[in-house]
Amino acid sequence: MTIVYTLIGIAIMAFVYWRFIRIPRIPPERLQGRQAPKLQGDWSADDRGPKPGPFKTFIASIASLQNDETNAIWKEWIDFQPRDIRAFREVVHGRFRLEFKQRALLVLLAPHTDLVPVYLPKSFERDRIDDDCLDDLPRELHEFAVTLIEVSLDAIDKRGTEGKNKLFDYQSCIETLFSQVSENHRERLYKRFLLRDVFAYWDMDDFSGYHPWTCMMYANIGEAWKRRMDADMRAIVLREMQGKAAPRAEHEDAFCFYVSKLTTMAYGKPYYSAELYADQFAFALSLAEQPDLRGYKGRTTHKALRSQYVCRGRNLQRVLRHLDRETFADLRQRLIANAWKHDDNRNLHGEFLEAARQQLAEIHDSHPDIAEIIQAAIAEGEQKEKEDLTAQQAREQERKAVEQQMLRKQNPAVDQLLS
């Protein structure tokens, strides 16, 4: 009987382990009882079953996902208490074993959690791809994260709204990760990077265009990469100006966006060398000084008219502050001439009047025709200032007269004091 009871006990223990403890190696589409979304390239069009696909191949290459001991530890950690996004971030950045860091990163960055073949509670939800987990990512995860982003971008269907939302999230991931990884990783990420916004939009606060390019120009990625990205941005601008390409929407005109962001950078300090900043304006001027470019010839829209100048008014002064007068003398003179040639608002006063005098001194000899325009504007501004001063003095005298009159009405004896 002892042997029988022993065998029954072993059978019960085996059943409990198999049914409740062991994590079966099941495909992601059966996890949590939900239907996994299909990935682009992962399923064949016929009845021969699924093909490997980039994402599935990557998942299959992660040996720890097939380790029963690791799976059991993971399940115990998941079931110990409710886990949310923050818990998985802590695993990524904490003192955990590499295989668990990779699992957490999969949960946070995969196109959909149903595609991750690890145990998750049914109550777990992730609204979006969590690019925040990539801030200060441990170096040991760089290769894993870069590959995960690559295969995910290859796999998702980018045509629908949901796919574009994921594409937007992965672009944010690339922006966050780019400054941290090696040159080899940067090369791989840049092949998947989009300089233009994923969505076209327009509202009272902002409008779409090439904000990813702008973000990279502010990022800590080294000037060599900024020059490379700027060269790619210039190619887009040039193609539109030559009529070889058209903007996705009228407000996404590449030239206007380019010079607008260059001007905006002048509010602070450009995040790269003055030589590159000057070269960017030289490129913009070379296009603005060619009104017969095929892409804009005959167009009378605001964008076409905007392409005739680079910056003017207060913005011109901000830009000139970042361009040394001796080093970039020729460029400064061209910018000043271009601004005054197309500036219809010449109501100079205060700091604008003083700035005009300085600009006149710079281009008096090189651009006599523009110098005449500035001189006329200065004369008009000085005359307006005199008229304003006279009017102000008259208002001040009138105010004092009114005050004296009110004092007399309140106390007639005041006349003796004022006389």
Protein backbone atom coordinates (compact mmCIF):
# COMPACT_ATOMS: atom_id res chain seq x y z
CA MET A 1 0.00 0.00 0.00
CA THR A 2 2.87 2.38 0.73
CA ILE A 3 4.06 2.09 -2.87
CA VAL A 4 0.55 2.78 -4.17
CA TYR A 5 0.19 5.90 -2.01
CA THR A 6 3.61 7.08 -3.13
CA LEU A 7 2.72 6.66 -6.79
CA ILE A 8 -0.59 8.48 -6.27
CA GLY A 9 1.24 11.35 -4.54
CA ILE A 10 3.76 11.63 -7.39
CA ALA A 11 0.94 11.67 -9.93
CA ILE A 12 -0.87 14.43 -8.05
CA MET A 13 2.30 16.52 -7.77
CA ALA A 14 3.02 16.07 -11.50
CA PHE A 15 -0.51 17.13 -12.35
CA VAL A 16 -0.30 20.24 -10.14
CA TYR A 17 3.05 21.21 -11.67
CA TRP A 18 1.89 20.65 -15.24
CA ARG A 19 -1.46 22.42 -14.76
CA PHE A 20 -0.69 25.32 -12.43
CA ILE A 21 3.06 25.96 -12.20
CA ARG A 22 4.68 25.19 -15.52
CA ILE A 23 4.35 27.92 -18.16
CA PRO A 24 3.61 26.21 -21.49
CA ARG A 25 5.44 27.33 -24.63
CA ILE A 26 2.41 28.66 -26.43
CA PRO A 27 2.32 31.06 -29.38
CA PRO A 28 1.56 34.72 -28.57
CA GLU A 29 -1.80 34.65 -30.32
CA ARG A 30 -3.10 32.26 -27.63
CA LEU A 31 -1.79 34.14 -24.62
CA GLN A 32 -4.42 35.65 -22.30
CA GLY A 33 -7.21 34.23 -24.45
CA ARG A 34 -7.03 37.14 -26.92
CA GLN A 35 -6.54 37.09 -30.67
CA ALA A 36 -3.15 38.54 -31.55
CA PRO A 37 -3.10 41.09 -34.38
CA LYS A 38 -1.37 39.97 -37.54
CA LEU A 39 1.96 41.50 -38.36
CA GLN A 40 2.94 42.56 -41.82
CA GLY A 41 5.00 39.78 -43.43
CA ASP A 42 4.33 37.25 -40.64
CA TRP A 43 1.53 35.33 -42.35
CA SER A 44 1.32 33.91 -45.85
CA ALA A 45 -1.60 34.55 -48.15
CA ASP A 46 -2.23 30.84 -48.69
CA ASP A 47 -3.09 27.97 -46.32
CA ARG A 48 0.46 26.81 -45.66
CA GLY A 49 0.51 28.51 -42.26
CA PRO A 50 2.57 31.33 -40.76
CA LYS A 51 5.92 32.42 -42.10
CA PRO A 52 8.68 33.45 -39.69
CA GLY A 53 8.60 37.20 -40.34
CA PRO A 54 11.07 39.65 -38.73
CA PHE A 55 9.35 39.98 -35.37
CA LYS A 56 8.68 36.24 -34.91
CA THR A 57 12.24 35.41 -35.94
CA PHE A 58 13.58 37.85 -33.35
CA ILE A 59 11.34 36.40 -30.62
CA ALA A 60 12.45 32.86 -31.51
CA SER A 61 16.09 33.92 -31.12
CA ILE A 62 15.62 34.87 -27.44
CA ALA A 63 16.60 31.62 -25.71
CA SER A 64 15.48 32.72 -22.22
CA LEU A 65 11.85 32.82 -23.36
CA GLN A 66 11.99 29.02 -23.64
CA ASN A 67 13.58 28.45 -20.25
CA ASP A 68 11.13 26.87 -17.78
CA GLU A 69 13.02 28.04 -14.69
CA THR A 70 13.12 31.64 -15.92
CA ASN A 71 9.43 31.45 -16.85
CA ALA A 72 8.54 30.21 -13.36
CA ILE A 73 10.47 33.04 -11.66
CA TRP A 74 8.82 35.58 -13.96
CA LYS A 75 5.34 34.22 -13.20
CA GLU A 76 5.99 34.30 -9.47
CA TRP A 77 7.09 37.95 -9.73
CA ILE A 78 4.06 38.88 -11.84
CA ASP A 79 1.59 37.18 -9.48
CA PHE A 80 3.13 38.49 -6.27
CA GLN A 81 1.33 41.84 -6.64
CA PRO A 82 -0.35 43.87 -9.41
CA ARG A 83 2.19 45.12 -11.95
CA ASP A 84 1.83 48.24 -14.08
CA ILE A 85 4.00 50.10 -16.59
CA ARG A 86 6.16 51.57 -13.84
CA ALA A 87 6.99 48.12 -12.51
CA PHE A 88 8.33 47.00 -15.89
CA ARG A 89 10.35 50.22 -16.20
CA GLU A 90 11.93 49.46 -12.82
CA VAL A 91 12.98 46.06 -14.10
CA VAL A 92 14.57 47.62 -17.20
CA HIS A 93 16.59 50.10 -15.13
CA GLY A 94 17.04 48.07 -11.94
CA ARG A 95 19.55 45.48 -10.75
CA PHE A 96 17.87 42.52 -12.41
CA ARG A 97 19.16 39.71 -14.58
CA LEU A 98 19.52 40.53 -18.27
CA GLU A 99 16.84 38.03 -19.37
CA PHE A 100 14.26 39.75 -17.17
CA LYS A 101 15.28 43.20 -18.41
CA GLN A 102 14.76 41.98 -21.96
CA ARG A 103 11.31 40.59 -21.11
CA ALA A 104 10.27 43.89 -19.53
CA LEU A 105 11.51 45.78 -22.58
CA LEU A 106 9.49 43.47 -24.81
CA VAL A 107 6.36 44.19 -22.79
CA LEU A 108 6.96 47.95 -23.04
CA LEU A 109 8.05 48.21 -26.68
CA ALA A 110 6.45 45.40 -28.67
CA PRO A 111 3.79 46.46 -31.21
CA HIS A 112 1.19 44.70 -29.05
CA THR A 113 1.47 42.84 -25.73
CA ASP A 114 -0.38 39.86 -27.22
CA LEU A 115 2.67 39.29 -29.41
CA VAL A 116 4.98 38.89 -26.40
CA PRO A 117 5.25 35.18 -25.43
CA VAL A 118 5.60 35.79 -21.69
CA TYR A 119 3.13 35.45 -18.88
CA LEU A 120 1.06 38.59 -18.17
CA PRO A 121 -2.05 39.03 -16.03
CA LYS A 122 -5.29 39.41 -17.94
CA SER A 123 -5.83 42.78 -16.25
CA PHE A 124 -2.59 44.25 -17.63
CA GLU A 125 -3.10 47.03 -20.18
CA ARG A 126 -0.67 49.18 -22.12
CA ASP A 127 -2.12 52.20 -23.92
CA ARG A 128 0.86 52.87 -26.14
CA ILE A 129 4.44 51.93 -26.88
CA ASP A 130 6.39 53.24 -23.91
CA ASP A 131 9.31 55.25 -25.27
CA ASP A 132 9.90 56.75 -21.79
CA CYS A 133 11.51 53.47 -20.70
CA LEU A 134 14.41 54.24 -23.06
CA ASP A 135 15.62 57.26 -21.08
CA ASP A 136 19.16 56.46 -19.83
CA LEU A 137 18.80 52.90 -21.07
CA PRO A 138 21.47 50.52 -19.66
CA ARG A 139 24.20 49.86 -22.21
CA GLU A 140 23.66 46.10 -22.02
CA LEU A 141 20.19 46.61 -23.57
CA HIS A 142 21.22 48.83 -26.49
CA GLU A 143 21.57 46.05 -29.04
CA PHE A 144 18.35 44.39 -27.89
CA ALA A 145 16.37 47.66 -28.03
CA VAL A 146 17.68 48.65 -31.47
CA THR A 147 16.87 45.24 -32.93
CA LEU A 148 13.41 45.26 -31.33
CA ILE A 149 12.64 48.65 -32.89
CA GLU A 150 13.90 47.44 -36.28
CA VAL A 151 11.81 44.27 -36.40
CA SER A 152 8.74 46.04 -35.00
CA LEU A 153 8.89 48.74 -37.67
CA ASP A 154 9.32 46.09 -40.35
CA ALA A 155 6.35 44.17 -39.02
CA ILE A 156 3.61 46.76 -38.38
CA ASP A 157 1.14 47.82 -41.04
CA LYS A 158 1.78 51.56 -41.38
CA ARG A 159 -1.23 52.35 -43.56
CA GLY A 160 -4.05 52.59 -41.00
CA THR A 161 -4.48 54.98 -38.09
CA GLU A 162 -3.40 52.38 -35.54
CA GLY A 163 -0.30 51.57 -37.56
CA LYS A 164 0.59 55.25 -37.90
CA ASN A 165 0.18 55.71 -34.15
CA LYS A 166 2.69 52.93 -33.60
CA LEU A 167 4.98 54.42 -36.25
CA PHE A 168 4.83 57.73 -34.38
CA ASP A 169 5.74 55.99 -31.11
CA TYR A 170 8.69 54.16 -32.66
CA GLN A 171 9.97 57.43 -34.15
CA SER A 172 9.91 58.85 -30.62
CA CYS A 173 11.84 55.77 -29.49
CA ILE A 174 14.51 56.44 -32.09
CA GLU A 175 14.79 60.09 -31.03
CA THR A 176 15.19 59.06 -27.39
CA LEU A 177 17.71 56.29 -28.08
CA PHE A 178 19.80 57.97 -30.77
CA SER A 179 21.99 60.05 -28.46
CA GLN A 180 22.81 57.04 -26.24
CA VAL A 181 23.89 54.30 -28.62
CA SER A 182 27.03 53.55 -30.66
CA GLU A 183 27.71 54.72 -34.21
CA ASN A 184 26.75 51.32 -35.61
CA HIS A 185 23.43 51.43 -33.81
CA ARG A 186 22.84 54.99 -35.01
CA GLU A 187 23.36 53.91 -38.60
CA ARG A 188 20.74 51.20 -38.19
CA LEU A 189 18.25 53.50 -36.47
CA TYR A 190 18.68 56.30 -38.99
CA LYS A 191 17.61 53.96 -41.79
CA ARG A 192 14.20 53.79 -40.03
CA PHE A 193 14.03 57.45 -39.04
CA LEU A 194 11.61 59.89 -40.69
CA LEU A 195 12.50 63.59 -40.92
CA ARG A 196 8.85 64.50 -41.53
CA ASP A 197 6.03 64.20 -39.01
CA VAL A 198 4.01 61.00 -39.25
CA PHE A 199 0.70 62.91 -39.21
CA ALA A 200 -0.31 66.08 -41.04
CA TYR A 201 -2.03 68.54 -38.70
CA TRP A 202 -2.75 72.22 -38.17
CA ASP A 203 -4.06 74.04 -35.10
CA MET A 204 -3.69 77.41 -33.40
CA ASP A 205 -0.57 76.33 -31.49
CA ASP A 206 1.46 74.45 -34.08
CA PHE A 207 1.41 72.71 -37.43
CA SER A 208 3.03 69.64 -38.91
CA GLY A 209 6.17 69.62 -40.98
CA TYR A 210 9.61 68.32 -40.09
CA HIS A 211 9.68 68.39 -36.30
CA PRO A 212 11.72 65.16 -36.02
CA TRP A 213 14.51 66.93 -37.93
CA THR A 214 14.18 69.91 -35.58
CA CYS A 215 14.42 67.67 -32.50
CA MET A 216 17.59 66.05 -33.79
CA MET A 217 19.17 69.45 -34.44
CA TYR A 218 18.64 70.21 -30.74
CA ALA A 219 19.75 66.75 -29.53
CA ASN A 220 23.15 65.77 -28.16
CA ILE A 221 24.19 63.60 -31.11
CA GLY A 222 27.35 65.32 -32.35
CA GLU A 223 27.75 67.77 -35.20
CA ALA A 224 28.65 65.14 -37.80
CA TRP A 225 25.20 63.61 -37.48
CA LYS A 226 23.53 67.01 -37.47
CA ARG A 227 25.30 67.91 -40.71
CA ARG A 228 24.19 64.63 -42.24
CA MET A 229 20.56 65.13 -41.23
CA ASP A 230 20.67 68.73 -42.34
CA ALA A 231 21.97 67.64 -45.74
CA ASP A 232 19.01 65.26 -46.07
CA MET A 233 16.63 68.05 -45.06
CA ARG A 234 18.17 70.39 -47.63
CA ALA A 235 17.63 67.74 -50.31
CA ILE A 236 13.91 67.74 -49.47
CA VAL A 237 13.78 71.54 -49.61
CA LEU A 238 15.61 71.64 -52.93
CA ARG A 239 13.36 69.01 -54.53
CA GLU A 240 10.27 71.03 -53.64
CA MET A 241 11.79 74.31 -54.82
CA GLN A 242 12.75 72.69 -58.13
CA GLY A 243 9.27 71.25 -58.64
CA LYS A 244 10.43 67.64 -58.36
CA ALA A 245 8.27 67.03 -55.28
CA ALA A 246 5.28 68.66 -53.62
CA PRO A 247 4.57 69.15 -49.92
CA ARG A 248 2.05 66.76 -48.37
CA ALA A 249 0.02 69.82 -47.30
CA GLU A 250 0.37 73.50 -48.15
CA HIS A 251 1.44 74.37 -44.60
CA GLU A 252 4.23 71.74 -44.75
CA ASP A 253 6.27 73.65 -47.32
CA ALA A 254 9.81 72.46 -46.62
CA PHE A 255 11.61 75.77 -47.33
CA CYS A 256 9.31 77.79 -45.08
CA PHE A 257 9.58 75.22 -42.30
CA TYR A 258 13.36 75.11 -42.64
CA VAL A 259 13.96 78.86 -42.36
CA SER A 260 11.29 79.21 -39.68
CA LYS A 261 13.08 76.74 -37.40
CA LEU A 262 16.48 78.28 -38.11
CA THR A 263 15.07 81.63 -37.04
CA THR A 264 13.48 80.14 -33.94
CA MET A 265 16.85 78.75 -32.87
CA ALA A 266 18.15 82.33 -32.73
CA TYR A 267 15.91 83.02 -29.72
CA GLY A 268 18.44 81.09 -27.66
CA LYS A 269 21.72 79.63 -28.85
CA PRO A 270 22.04 77.08 -31.65
CA TYR A 271 23.02 73.62 -30.40
CA TYR A 272 25.88 73.32 -32.89
CA SER A 273 28.68 75.40 -34.37
CA ALA A 274 28.27 78.89 -35.79
CA GLU A 275 29.82 77.57 -39.03
CA LEU A 276 26.97 75.11 -39.58
CA TYR A 277 24.38 77.71 -38.57
CA ALA A 278 25.85 80.16 -41.08
CA ASP A 279 25.98 77.48 -43.78
CA GLN A 280 22.29 76.76 -43.26
CA PHE A 281 21.40 80.40 -43.83
CA ALA A 282 23.71 80.56 -46.84
CA PHE A 283 21.80 77.63 -48.35
CA ALA A 284 18.43 79.26 -47.63
CA LEU A 285 19.63 82.54 -49.16
CA SER A 286 20.87 80.77 -52.28
CA LEU A 287 17.27 79.62 -52.88
CA ALA A 288 15.57 82.84 -51.84
CA GLU A 289 17.74 84.75 -54.28
CA GLN A 290 16.50 82.59 -57.19
CA PRO A 291 12.89 83.66 -57.80
CA ASP A 292 12.62 81.66 -61.04
CA LEU A 293 12.97 78.20 -59.50
CA ARG A 294 10.55 75.94 -61.35
CA GLY A 295 8.71 74.72 -58.26
CA TYR A 296 7.60 78.24 -57.28
CA LYS A 297 7.47 79.97 -60.64
CA GLY A 298 4.06 81.52 -61.21
CA ARG A 299 2.75 80.74 -57.73
CA THR A 300 1.23 83.62 -55.77
CA THR A 301 0.38 81.79 -52.54
CA HIS A 302 1.64 82.96 -49.19
CA LYS A 303 4.21 80.17 -49.15
CA ALA A 304 5.58 81.14 -52.54
CA LEU A 305 5.88 84.77 -51.47
CA ARG A 306 7.43 83.66 -48.16
CA SER A 307 10.18 81.85 -50.07
CA GLN A 308 11.52 85.20 -51.29
CA TYR A 309 13.05 86.14 -47.94
CA VAL A 310 14.77 84.30 -45.10
CA CYS A 311 14.23 86.49 -42.03
CA ARG A 312 13.49 90.13 -41.31
CA GLY A 313 12.60 92.61 -38.58
CA ARG A 314 13.22 91.47 -35.03
CA ASN A 315 14.15 87.96 -36.19
CA LEU A 316 16.94 89.34 -38.35
CA GLN A 317 18.48 91.00 -35.32
CA ARG A 318 18.36 87.76 -33.35
CA VAL A 319 20.03 85.81 -36.16
CA LEU A 320 22.78 88.40 -36.65
CA ARG A 321 23.73 88.12 -32.97
CA HIS A 322 24.93 84.55 -33.64
CA LEU A 323 26.97 85.41 -36.76
CA ASP A 324 30.28 87.06 -36.04
CA ARG A 325 30.62 90.34 -37.92
CA GLU A 326 34.14 89.67 -39.16
CA THR A 327 33.92 85.93 -39.83
CA PHE A 328 30.58 86.05 -41.64
CA ALA A 329 30.65 89.59 -43.03
CA ASP A 330 29.44 88.61 -46.52
CA LEU A 331 26.61 86.43 -45.23
CA ARG A 332 25.45 89.13 -42.82
CA GLN A 333 25.32 91.65 -45.65
CA ARG A 334 23.31 89.26 -47.84
CA LEU A 335 20.86 88.58 -45.02
CA ILE A 336 20.39 92.29 -44.38
CA ALA A 337 19.90 93.02 -48.09
CA ASN A 338 17.42 90.17 -48.49
CA ALA A 339 15.42 91.26 -45.45
CA TRP A 340 15.13 94.93 -46.49
CA LYS A 341 14.33 94.05 -50.07
CA HIS A 342 11.17 92.20 -49.01
CA ASP A 343 10.21 93.95 -45.76
CA ASP A 344 7.10 96.08 -46.20
CA ASN A 345 6.84 96.94 -42.50
CA ARG A 346 9.37 99.74 -42.07
CA ASN A 347 7.86 101.52 -39.08
CA LEU A 348 11.13 101.88 -37.18
CA HIS A 349 11.27 102.98 -33.58
CA GLY A 350 13.37 102.38 -30.49
CA GLU A 351 15.64 99.34 -30.77
CA PHE A 352 14.56 98.75 -34.39
CA LEU A 353 15.79 102.21 -35.35
CA GLU A 354 19.15 101.61 -33.70
CA ALA A 355 19.41 98.18 -35.37
CA ALA A 356 18.70 99.78 -38.76
CA ARG A 357 21.55 102.24 -38.23
CA GLN A 358 23.94 99.35 -37.50
CA GLN A 359 22.75 97.41 -40.56
CA LEU A 360 23.18 100.51 -42.74
CA ALA A 361 26.78 100.82 -41.60
CA GLU A 362 27.42 97.18 -42.64
CA ILE A 363 26.02 97.30 -46.17
CA HIS A 364 26.50 100.97 -47.09
CA ASP A 365 29.31 100.15 -49.51
CA SER A 366 28.37 96.65 -50.72
CA HIS A 367 24.64 97.26 -51.42
CA PRO A 368 24.08 100.96 -52.21
CA ASP A 369 20.53 100.32 -53.44
CA ILE A 370 19.53 98.67 -50.16
CA ALA A 371 21.39 101.38 -48.25
CA GLU A 372 19.09 103.98 -49.81
CA ILE A 373 16.04 102.01 -48.64
CA ILE A 374 17.41 101.81 -45.10
CA GLN A 375 18.34 105.50 -45.07
CA ALA A 376 14.82 106.46 -46.11
CA ALA A 377 13.35 104.18 -43.44
CA ILE A 378 15.67 105.65 -40.80
CA ALA A 379 14.75 109.19 -41.79
CA GLU A 380 11.07 108.30 -41.61
CA GLY A 381 11.57 106.61 -38.25
CA GLU A 382 13.46 109.57 -36.80
CA GLN A 383 10.76 111.94 -38.02
CA LYS A 384 8.11 109.73 -36.45
CA GLU A 385 10.01 109.67 -33.18
CA LYS A 386 10.18 113.50 -33.15
CA GLU A 387 6.46 113.69 -33.81
CA ASP A 388 5.78 111.17 -31.07
CA LEU A 389 7.98 113.11 -28.65
CA THR A 390 6.20 116.38 -29.48
CA ALA A 391 2.82 114.72 -29.03
CA GLN A 392 3.93 113.22 -25.72
CA GLN A 393 5.11 116.61 -24.44
CA ALA A 394 1.80 118.16 -25.47
CA ARG A 395 -0.12 115.46 -23.62
CA GLU A 396 2.03 116.00 -20.53
CA GLN A 397 1.37 119.76 -20.56
CA GLU A 398 -2.35 119.12 -21.01
CA ARG A 399 -2.32 116.68 -18.08
CA LYS A 400 -0.63 119.24 -15.80
CA ALA A 401 -3.12 121.94 -16.84
CA VAL A 402 -6.03 119.66 -15.97
CA GLU A 403 -4.50 118.86 -12.58
CA GLN A 404 -4.08 122.58 -11.77
CA GLN A 405 -7.64 123.29 -12.81
CA MET A 406 -8.94 120.53 -10.52
CA LEU A 407 -6.90 121.91 -7.61
CA ARG A 408 -8.38 125.41 -8.09
CA LYS A 409 -11.89 124.04 -8.05
CA GLN A 410 -11.22 122.15 -4.82
CA ASN A 411 -9.52 125.11 -3.07
CA PRO A 412 -9.66 128.67 -4.50
CA ALA A 413 -6.73 129.65 -2.24
CA VAL A 414 -4.50 127.51 -4.40
CA ASP A 415 -4.51 130.32 -7.04
CA GLN A 416 -2.31 132.38 -4.79
CA LEU A 417 0.14 129.50 -4.44
CA LEU A 418 0.24 128.76 -8.21
CA SER A 419 0.52 132.39 -9.34
